[in-house]
C-alpha atoms as a PDB file:
ATOM      1  CA  LEU A   1     117.695  93.317  76.452  1.00  0.00           C
ATOM      2  CA  GLY A   2     120.895  91.877  74.711  1.00  0.00           C
ATOM      3  CA  GLY A   3     119.201  88.287  75.798  1.00  0.00           C
ATOM      4  CA  PRO A   4     117.929  85.220  73.480  1.00  0.00           C
ATOM      5  CA  LEU A   5     115.035  84.522  71.989  1.00  0.00           C
ATOM      6  CA  CYS A   6     112.826  82.429  73.977  1.00  0.00           C
ATOM      7  CA  ASP A   7     109.872  80.384  71.883  1.00  0.00           C
ATOM      8  CA  PRO A   8     106.833  81.607  73.490  1.00  0.00           C
ATOM      9  CA  PRO A   9     105.424  81.365  76.076  1.00  0.00           C
ATOM     10  CA  SER A  10     108.499  81.891  77.489  1.00  0.00           C
ATOM     11  CA  PHE A  11     110.395  85.204  78.322  1.00  0.00           C
ATOM     12  CA  TYR A  12     113.644  86.053  78.913  1.00  0.00           C
ATOM     13  CA  ASP A  13     113.885  86.534  82.374  1.00  0.00           C
ATOM     14  CA  THR A  14     116.444  89.177  83.034  1.00  0.00           C
ATOM     15  CA  VAL A  15     116.354  88.248  86.781  1.00  0.00           C
ATOM     16  CA  THR A  16     118.104  84.723  86.244  1.00  0.00           C
ATOM     17  CA  ASN A  17     119.514  85.329  83.098  1.00  0.00           C
ATOM     18  CA  GLN A  18     117.336  82.634  80.924  1.00  0.00           C
ATOM     19  CA  CYS A  19     114.584  81.713  79.604  1.00  0.00           C
ATOM     20  CA  ALA A  20     111.545  81.163  81.722  1.00  0.00           C
ATOM     21  CA  ILE A  21     107.849  79.759  81.424  1.00  0.00           C
ATOM     22  CA  PRO A  22     105.766  82.487  83.191  1.00  0.00           C
ATOM     23  CA  SER A  23     103.377  79.775  84.976  1.00  0.00           C
ATOM     24  CA  SER A  24     106.672  78.015  86.437  1.00  0.00           C
ATOM     25  CA  ALA A  25     108.396  81.143  87.135  1.00  0.00           C
ATOM     26  CA  ILE A  26     108.323  81.618  90.794  1.00  0.00           C
ATOM     27  CA  PRO A  27     105.677  84.432  91.579  1.00  0.00           C
ATOM     28  CA  PHE A  28     106.206  87.445  93.966  1.00  0.00           C
ATOM     29  CA  ASN A  29     104.175  89.509  95.638  1.00  0.00           C
ATOM     30  CA  ILE A  30     106.213  92.860  96.971  1.00  0.00           C
ATOM     31  CA  VAL A  31     105.582  95.914  98.813  1.00  0.00           C
ATOM     32  CA  LEU A  32     108.392  98.418  98.407  1.00  0.00           C
ATOM     33  CA  ASN A  33     107.926 100.323 101.602  1.00  0.00           C
ATOM     34  CA  VAL A  34     109.714 103.650 101.308  1.00  0.00           C
ATOM     35  CA  ASP A  35     110.654 106.417 103.315  1.00  0.00           C
ATOM     36  CA  THR A  36     109.515 109.747 102.579  1.00  0.00           C
ATOM     37  CA  SER A  37     110.881 111.403 105.649  1.00  0.00           C
ATOM     38  CA  GLY A  38     112.114 114.934 105.317  1.00  0.00           C
ATOM     39  CA  SER A  39     115.802 113.762 105.173  1.00  0.00           C
ATOM     40  CA  ILE A  40     115.262 111.841 102.130  1.00  0.00           C
ATOM     41  CA  SER A  41     112.127 113.921 100.186  1.00  0.00           C
ATOM     42  CA  ASN A  42     113.793 117.122 100.797  1.00  0.00           C
ATOM     43  CA  ALA A  43     114.182 118.216  96.716  1.00  0.00           C
ATOM     44  CA  GLN A  44     117.789 119.777  97.881  1.00  0.00           C
ATOM     45  CA  ASN A  45     118.948 116.156  99.175  1.00  0.00           C
ATOM     46  CA  ASP A  46     120.208 113.913  96.567  1.00  0.00           C
ATOM     47  CA  GLU A  47     119.269 111.010  98.724  1.00  0.00           C
ATOM     48  CA  ARG A  48     115.664 111.250  97.049  1.00  0.00           C
ATOM     49  CA  ASP A  49     117.099 110.962  93.440  1.00  0.00           C
ATOM     50  CA  LYS A  50     119.253 108.335  94.150  1.00  0.00           C
ATOM     51  CA  LEU A  51     116.602 106.438  95.801  1.00  0.00           C
ATOM     52  CA  ILE A  52     113.721 107.115  93.233  1.00  0.00           C
ATOM     53  CA  LEU A  53     116.530 106.217  90.448  1.00  0.00           C
ATOM     54  CA  PHE A  54     116.933 102.839  92.333  1.00  0.00           C
ATOM     55  CA  LEU A  55     113.593 101.929  92.530  1.00  0.00           C
ATOM     56  CA  LYS A  56     112.493 102.223  89.153  1.00  0.00           C
ATOM     57  CA  LEU A  57     115.660 100.386  87.698  1.00  0.00           C
ATOM     58  CA  PHE A  58     114.817  97.939  90.231  1.00  0.00           C
ATOM     59  CA  ILE A  59     111.094  98.027  88.558  1.00  0.00           C
ATOM     60  CA  ASP A  60     112.801  98.252  85.086  1.00  0.00           C
ATOM     61  CA  GLU A  61     114.774  94.501  86.445  1.00  0.00           C
ATOM     62  CA  MET A  62     111.267  92.987  87.186  1.00  0.00           C
ATOM     63  CA  ALA A  63     109.464  94.541  84.164  1.00  0.00           C
ATOM     64  CA  GLU A  64     109.542  90.764  82.425  1.00  0.00           C
ATOM     65  CA  ARG A  65     107.626  89.506  85.245  1.00  0.00           C
ATOM     66  CA  LEU A  66     105.364  92.074  85.763  1.00  0.00           C
ATOM     67  CA  ILE A  67     104.334  92.239  82.382  1.00  0.00           C
ATOM     68  CA  THR A  68     103.425  88.706  82.209  1.00  0.00           C
ATOM     69  CA  GLY A  69     101.568  89.247  85.845  1.00  0.00           C
ATOM     70  CA  ASN A  70     103.908  87.007  87.625  1.00  0.00           C
ATOM     71  CA  THR A  71     105.046  89.222  89.927  1.00  0.00           C
ATOM     72  CA  LYS A  72     102.955  92.260  91.484  1.00  0.00           C
ATOM     73  CA  ILE A  73     104.282  94.961  93.184  1.00  0.00           C
ATOM     74  CA  ALA A  74     102.827  97.784  95.917  1.00  0.00           C
ATOM     75  CA  VAL A  75     104.060 100.831  97.087  1.00  0.00           C
ATOM     76  CA  VAL A  76     103.862 102.066 100.946  1.00  0.00           C
ATOM     77  CA  LEU A  77     105.127 106.070 101.614  1.00  0.00           C
ATOM     78  CA  TRP A  78     105.611 106.236 104.975  1.00  0.00           C
ATOM     79  CA  ASN A  79     107.230 108.745 107.552  1.00  0.00           C
ATOM     80  CA  SER A  80     105.393 109.388 110.515  1.00  0.00           C
ATOM     81  CA  THR A  81     101.980 108.339 108.991  1.00  0.00           C
ATOM     82  CA  SER A  82     101.766 105.745 105.794  1.00  0.00           C
ATOM     83  CA  CYS A  83      99.908 105.542 102.999  1.00  0.00           C
ATOM     84  CA  LEU A  84      99.259 103.065 100.211  1.00  0.00           C
ATOM     85  CA  GLN A  85     100.360 105.122  97.333  1.00  0.00           C
ATOM     86  CA  GLN A  86     100.036 102.228  94.642  1.00  0.00           C
ATOM     87  CA  ASP A  87      98.334  98.964  95.352  1.00  0.00           C
ATOM     88  CA  PHE A  88      99.528  95.958  93.777  1.00  0.00           C
ATOM     89  CA  THR A  89     100.205  95.898  90.065  1.00  0.00           C
ATOM     90  CA  GLY A  90     101.938  95.005  87.338  1.00  0.00           C
ATOM     91  CA  ASP A  91     101.943  97.943  85.401  1.00  0.00           C
ATOM     92  CA  VAL A  92     105.380  99.211  85.148  1.00  0.00           C
ATOM     93  CA  ASP A  93     104.088 102.993  84.034  1.00  0.00           C
ATOM     94  CA  LEU A  94     101.953 103.194  87.138  1.00  0.00           C
ATOM     95  CA  LEU A  95     104.696 102.036  89.510  1.00  0.00           C
ATOM     96  CA  LYS A  96     107.048 104.516  88.013  1.00  0.00           C
ATOM     97  CA  GLU A  97     104.834 107.110  88.694  1.00  0.00           C
ATOM     98  CA  ALA A  98     104.205 106.413  92.132  1.00  0.00           C
ATOM     99  CA  MET A  99     107.829 106.865  93.049  1.00  0.00           C
ATOM    100  CA  ASP A 100     107.715 110.204  92.024  1.00  0.00           C
ATOM    101  CA  GLY A 101     105.312 110.401  95.191  1.00  0.00           C
ATOM    102  CA  ILE A 102     108.541 110.581  97.398  1.00  0.00           C
ATOM    103  CA  ILE A 103     109.044 114.255  96.195  1.00  0.00           C
ATOM    104  CA  SER A 104     108.275 116.424  99.036  1.00  0.00           C
ATOM    105  CA  PRO A 105     104.868 118.562  97.739  1.00  0.00           C
ATOM    106  CA  THR A 106     106.320 121.623 100.077  1.00  0.00           C
ATOM    107  CA  THR A 107     108.914 121.830  97.181  1.00  0.00           C
ATOM    108  CA  GLN A 108     108.540 123.272  93.541  1.00  0.00           C
ATOM    109  CA  ASP A 109     108.609 119.900  92.367  1.00  0.00           C
ATOM    110  CA  GLN A 110     104.837 118.430  91.611  1.00  0.00           C
ATOM    111  CA  PRO A 111     104.825 114.809  92.781  1.00  0.00           C
ATOM    112  CA  TYR A 112     102.005 112.434  91.858  1.00  0.00           C
ATOM    113  CA  VAL A 113     100.529 111.368  95.347  1.00  0.00           C
ATOM    114  CA  ASN A 114      97.550 109.067  94.974  1.00  0.00           C
ATOM    115  CA  PRO A 115      94.252 111.098  95.558  1.00  0.00           C
ATOM    116  CA  ALA A 116      93.061 109.017  98.245  1.00  0.00           C
ATOM    117  CA  CYS A 117      96.346 109.667 100.266  1.00  0.00           C
ATOM    118  CA  THR A 118      95.922 113.371 100.019  1.00  0.00           C
ATOM    119  CA  ALA A 119      92.150 113.293 101.006  1.00  0.00           C
ATOM    120  CA  ALA A 120      93.755 111.600 104.412  1.00  0.00           C
ATOM    121  CA  GLY A 121      96.165 113.988 105.087  1.00  0.00           C
ATOM    122  CA  TYR A 122      99.474 112.063 103.920  1.00  0.00           C
ATOM    123  CA  GLN A 123     102.174 114.410 103.488  1.00  0.00           C
ATOM    124  CA  ALA A 124     105.346 113.358 101.728  1.00  0.00           C
ATOM    125  CA  SER A 125     107.845 114.684 104.530  1.00  0.00           C
ATOM    126  CA  GLY A 126     107.512 113.873 108.318  1.00  0.00           C
ATOM    127  CA  GLY A 127     109.744 112.229 110.860  1.00  0.00           C
ATOM    128  CA  THR A 128     110.809 108.604 110.455  1.00  0.00           C
ATOM    129  CA  GLN A 129     108.510 105.963 112.136  1.00  0.00           C
ATOM    130  CA  HIS A 130     109.461 102.547 110.671  1.00  0.00           C
ATOM    131  CA  ALA A 131     106.816 100.709 112.407  1.00  0.00           C
ATOM    132  CA  VAL A 132     103.670 102.515 110.541  1.00  0.00           C
ATOM    133  CA  GLY A 133     105.038 101.702 107.341  1.00  0.00           C
ATOM    134  CA  PHE A 134     105.710  98.395 107.888  1.00  0.00           C
ATOM    135  CA  ALA A 135     102.623  97.691 109.326  1.00  0.00           C
ATOM    136  CA  ALA A 136     100.634  99.382 106.540  1.00  0.00           C
ATOM    137  CA  SER A 137     102.709  97.043 104.239  1.00  0.00           C
ATOM    138  CA  VAL A 138     101.684  93.741 106.276  1.00  0.00           C
ATOM    139  CA  ARG A 139      98.019  94.891 106.101  1.00  0.00           C
ATOM    140  CA  ALA A 140      98.063  94.904 102.380  1.00  0.00           C
ATOM    141  CA  LEU A 141     100.698  92.167 101.706  1.00  0.00           C
ATOM    142  CA  HIS A 142      98.363  89.827 103.770  1.00  0.00           C
ATOM    143  CA  ALA A 143      95.450  91.112 101.854  1.00  0.00           C
ATOM    144  CA  GLN A 144      97.025  90.319  98.184  1.00  0.00           C
ATOM    145  CA  ALA A 145      98.707  86.736 100.089  1.00  0.00           C
ATOM    146  CA  ASN A 146      94.982  85.610 100.325  1.00  0.00           C
ATOM    147  CA  LEU A 147      93.967  86.823  96.638  1.00  0.00           C
ATOM    148  CA  ARG A 148      97.511  85.315  95.444  1.00  0.00           C
ATOM    149  CA  PRO A 149      98.055  82.714  97.685  1.00  0.00           C
ATOM    150  CA  SER A 150     101.039  81.036  95.047  1.00  0.00           C
ATOM    151  CA  GLY A 151     103.250  84.453  95.402  1.00  0.00           C
ATOM    152  CA  GLN A 152     106.105  84.648  97.402  1.00  0.00           C
ATOM    153  CA  ASN A 153     105.723  87.037  99.951  1.00  0.00           C
ATOM    154  CA  VAL A 154     108.221  90.131 100.153  1.00  0.00           C
ATOM    155  CA  ILE A 155     108.512  93.285 102.020  1.00  0.00           C
ATOM    156  CA  ILE A 156     111.842  96.015 100.742  1.00  0.00           C
ATOM    157  CA  THR A 157     112.151  98.531 103.438  1.00  0.00           C
ATOM    158  CA  CYS A 158     113.963 101.610 101.826  1.00  0.00           C
ATOM    159  CA  THR A 159     115.119 104.010 104.383  1.00  0.00           C
ATOM    160  CA  ASP A 160     118.180 106.462 105.692  1.00  0.00           C
ATOM    161  CA  GLY A 161     116.893 106.652 109.449  1.00  0.00           C
ATOM    162  CA  ASN A 162     116.066 104.528 112.681  1.00  0.00           C
ATOM    163  CA  GLY A 163     112.798 106.055 114.806  1.00  0.00           C
ATOM    164  CA  ILE A 164     110.144 103.210 115.807  1.00  0.00           C
ATOM    165  CA  GLY A 165     106.842 104.205 115.883  1.00  0.00           C
ATOM    166  CA  ASN A 166     103.804 102.286 116.556  1.00  0.00           C
ATOM    167  CA  ALA A 167     102.253  98.991 114.845  1.00  0.00           C
ATOM    168  CA  ASN A 168      99.064  96.795 116.208  1.00  0.00           C
ATOM    169  CA  LEU A 169      98.839  94.037 114.297  1.00  0.00           C
ATOM    170  CA  THR A 170      97.000  91.724 116.617  1.00  0.00           C
ATOM    171  CA  ASP A 171      93.759  91.961 114.564  1.00  0.00           C
ATOM    172  CA  LEU A 172      95.923  89.451 112.041  1.00  0.00           C
ATOM    173  CA  GLY A 173      97.272  87.338 114.529  1.00  0.00           C
ATOM    174  CA  TYR A 174     100.642  88.559 115.790  1.00  0.00           C
ATOM    175  CA  THR A 175     101.035  88.955 119.235  1.00  0.00           C
ATOM    176  CA  THR A 176     104.186  91.999 119.076  1.00  0.00           C
ATOM    177  CA  VAL A 177     102.476  95.137 119.779  1.00  0.00           C
ATOM    178  CA  VAL A 178     105.377  98.343 118.933  1.00  0.00           C
ATOM    179  CA  SER A 179     105.205 101.018 120.916  1.00  0.00           C
ATOM    180  CA  GLY A 180     107.638 104.113 120.974  1.00  0.00           C
ATOM    181  CA  LEU A 181     110.332 105.372 118.922  1.00  0.00           C
ATOM    182  CA  ASP A 182     112.811 103.588 120.773  1.00  0.00           C
ATOM    183  CA  ASP A 183     111.070 100.235 120.731  1.00  0.00           C
ATOM    184  CA  TYR A 184     113.504  98.378 118.789  1.00  0.00           C
ATOM    185  CA  CYS A 185     113.206  95.219 120.624  1.00  0.00           C
ATOM    186  CA  GLY A 186     109.430  95.159 119.557  1.00  0.00           C
ATOM    187  CA  MET A 187     109.997  95.817 115.812  1.00  0.00           C
ATOM    188  CA  ILE A 188     112.502  93.347 115.534  1.00  0.00           C
ATOM    189  CA  ALA A 189     110.239  90.569 117.365  1.00  0.00           C
ATOM    190  CA  LEU A 190     106.987  91.848 114.960  1.00  0.00           C
ATOM    191  CA  THR A 191     109.463  91.571 111.772  1.00  0.00           C
ATOM    192  CA  ASP A 192     110.307  87.919 113.332  1.00  0.00           C
ATOM    193  CA  GLU A 193     106.903  87.207 113.224  1.00  0.00           C
ATOM    194  CA  VAL A 194     105.937  88.385 109.974  1.00  0.00           C
ATOM    195  CA  LYS A 195     109.276  86.509 108.210  1.00  0.00           C
ATOM    196  CA  ALA A 196     107.772  83.198 109.975  1.00  0.00           C
ATOM    197  CA  ASP A 197     104.045  83.431 108.726  1.00  0.00           C
ATOM    198  CA  LEU A 198     102.365  85.746 106.818  1.00  0.00           C
ATOM    199  CA  ALA A 199      98.603  84.368 105.716  1.00  0.00           C
ATOM    200  CA  GLY A 200     100.095  80.718 106.429  1.00  0.00           C
ATOM    201  CA  LYS A 201     103.788  80.929 104.968  1.00  0.00           C
ATOM    202  CA  PRO A 202     107.107  82.513 105.658  1.00  0.00           C
ATOM    203  CA  SER A 203     107.812  85.487 104.237  1.00  0.00           C
ATOM    204  CA  LYS A 204     110.979  87.736 103.430  1.00  0.00           C
ATOM    205  CA  VAL A 205     112.101  90.886 104.611  1.00  0.00           C
ATOM    206  CA  MET A 206     114.945  93.097 103.197  1.00  0.00           C
ATOM    207  CA  LEU A 207     116.498  96.307 104.110  1.00  0.00           C
ATOM    208  CA  LEU A 208     117.667  98.958 101.481  1.00  0.00           C
ATOM    209  CA  VAL A 209     119.801 101.843 103.270  1.00  0.00           C
ATOM    210  CA  VAL A 210     120.364 104.813 101.755  1.00  0.00           C
ATOM    211  CA  GLY A 211     122.844 107.714 102.701  1.00  0.00           C
ATOM    212  CA  GLU A 212     126.399 108.293 103.556  1.00  0.00           C
ATOM    213  CA  ALA A 213     128.564 106.153 105.985  1.00  0.00           C
ATOM    214  CA  GLY A 214     126.911 107.989 109.343  1.00  0.00           C
ATOM    215  CA  GLU A 215     123.780 107.063 108.419  1.00  0.00           C
ATOM    216  CA  ARG A 216     124.198 103.271 107.211  1.00  0.00           C
ATOM    217  CA  GLN A 217     126.018 102.991 110.841  1.00  0.00           C
ATOM    218  CA  GLY A 218     122.834 104.201 112.623  1.00  0.00           C
ATOM    219  CA  VAL A 219     120.601 102.126 111.207  1.00  0.00           C
ATOM    220  CA  GLU A 220     123.000  99.238 111.552  1.00  0.00           C
ATOM    221  CA  ASN A 221     123.241 100.141 115.182  1.00  0.00           C
ATOM    222  CA  ALA A 222     119.592 100.583 115.755  1.00  0.00           C
ATOM    223  CA  PHE A 223     118.487  97.134 113.587  1.00  0.00           C
ATOM    224  CA  ILE A 224     121.353  94.960 113.802  1.00  0.00           C
ATOM    225  CA  ASN A 225     122.732  92.741 116.250  1.00  0.00           C
ATOM    226  CA  ARG A 226     120.548  94.004 119.151  1.00  0.00           C
ATOM    227  CA  ASN A 227     120.595  92.139 122.434  1.00  0.00           C
ATOM    228  CA  CYS A 228     116.661  91.311 122.303  1.00  0.00           C
ATOM    229  CA  PRO A 229     116.092  88.164 124.176  1.00  0.00           C
ATOM    230  CA  GLY A 230     113.573  85.830 122.426  1.00  0.00           C
ATOM    231  CA  THR A 231     114.352  87.463 118.870  1.00  0.00           C
ATOM    232  CA  SER A 232     116.696  86.622 115.809  1.00  0.00           C
ATOM    233  CA  GLY A 233     118.169  90.176 117.203  1.00  0.00           C
ATOM    234  CA  TYR A 234     118.231  91.963 113.625  1.00  0.00           C
ATOM    235  CA  TYR A 235     115.350  94.042 111.974  1.00  0.00           C
ATOM    236  CA  PRO A 236     114.982  93.472 107.702  1.00  0.00           C
ATOM    237  CA  SER A 237     118.083  91.772 106.209  1.00  0.00           C
ATOM    238  CA  LEU A 238     119.445  90.506 102.805  1.00  0.00           C
ATOM    239  CA  ASN A 239     119.153  86.545 102.984  1.00  0.00           C
ATOM    240  CA  ASP A 240     118.292  86.803 106.176  1.00  0.00           C
ATOM    241  CA  ASP A 241     122.062  87.050 107.147  1.00  0.00           C
ATOM    242  CA  GLY A 242     121.666  90.142 109.517  1.00  0.00           C
ATOM    243  CA  LEU A 243     123.323  92.366 107.251  1.00  0.00           C
ATOM    244  CA  PRO A 244     121.004  95.289 105.128  1.00  0.00           C
ATOM    245  CA  TYR A 245     121.752  96.169 101.553  1.00  0.00           C
ATOM    246  CA  TYR A 246     123.218  99.488 100.873  1.00  0.00           C
ATOM    247  CA  TYR A 247     122.519 102.215  98.053  1.00  0.00           C
ATOM    248  CA  ASP A 248     124.459 104.918  97.789  1.00  0.00           C
ATOM    249  CA  ALA A 249     126.047 104.959  94.393  1.00  0.00           C
ATOM    250  CA  GLY A 250     129.223 103.819  95.471  1.00  0.00           C
ATOM    251  CA  ASN A 251     129.360 101.297  98.271  1.00  0.00           C
ATOM    252  CA  PHE A 252     126.569  98.916  95.809  1.00  0.00           C
ATOM    253  CA  GLY A 253     127.138  96.801  92.965  1.00  0.00           C
ATOM    254  CA  THR A 254     123.937  96.642  90.704  1.00  0.00           C
ATOM    255  CA  VAL A 255     120.338  97.017  91.027  1.00  0.00           C
ATOM    256  CA  ALA A 256     120.464  93.422  89.190  1.00  0.00           C
ATOM    257  CA  ASP A 257     122.367  92.093  91.865  1.00  0.00           C
ATOM    258  CA  PHE A 258     119.857  93.129  94.661  1.00  0.00           C
ATOM    259  CA  ALA A 259     117.118  91.862  92.625  1.00  0.00           C
ATOM    260  CA  LYS A 260     118.915  88.472  91.785  1.00  0.00           C
ATOM    261  CA  GLN A 261     118.896  88.142  95.468  1.00  0.00           C
ATOM    262  CA  LEU A 262     115.281  88.716  95.949  1.00  0.00           C
ATOM    263  CA  ILE A 263     114.854  85.650  93.599  1.00  0.00           C
ATOM    264  CA  ILE A 264     117.332  83.643  95.037  1.00  0.00           C
END
């Protein structure tokens, strides 16, 4: 990989660009919370290809951590419904295979969709409803956090849209119930609760916006700097600064930059 040789059991961590001992490197539990609504999953739309490329490159960036078991990643696909496409794993190939589930099954492309998802009626195309995927991601992450309490808990939402939908996580101890496509303040309040405490400690919620300038502006207007009393005023962000991260192959640094921000 172009890095220095490291004496075992150390490995060269391409995220921090230094030798790291697996047991001492910060472990992560990460959910890739991926929008598969029609505007992304349509086979004629290059947003799908850009998003799949980004996510596969991100998995490559995390490969050393995944292989050592230090980091585990799950994949939740969502539109108007949600599905745990891939449970937490360190298997790079399984995670990349899950990325192909972003492809719409109504096209000539044949996606991999977890049979359990298919049996539950999940389709990789439908209206954007953030709360549905976010709630599924929190549930999956909450269970994983109890299994691996040493891990830092992260949800990375990837989307080009701004519909909200419904979420009820009161059984996990949260008080905010999100209801309706326009309940932006409810969504922000719930993410504030999740960021403050997920299975006993703070978590990180990040937003990756895929698409053109107009789409990015739409997401920003929906989730950033809203006047929601008693909340932070924004939904997911990078480094909790209220700003999303963009990927459109033009307004973006590198996938490595994104991975480093995650670790930092």
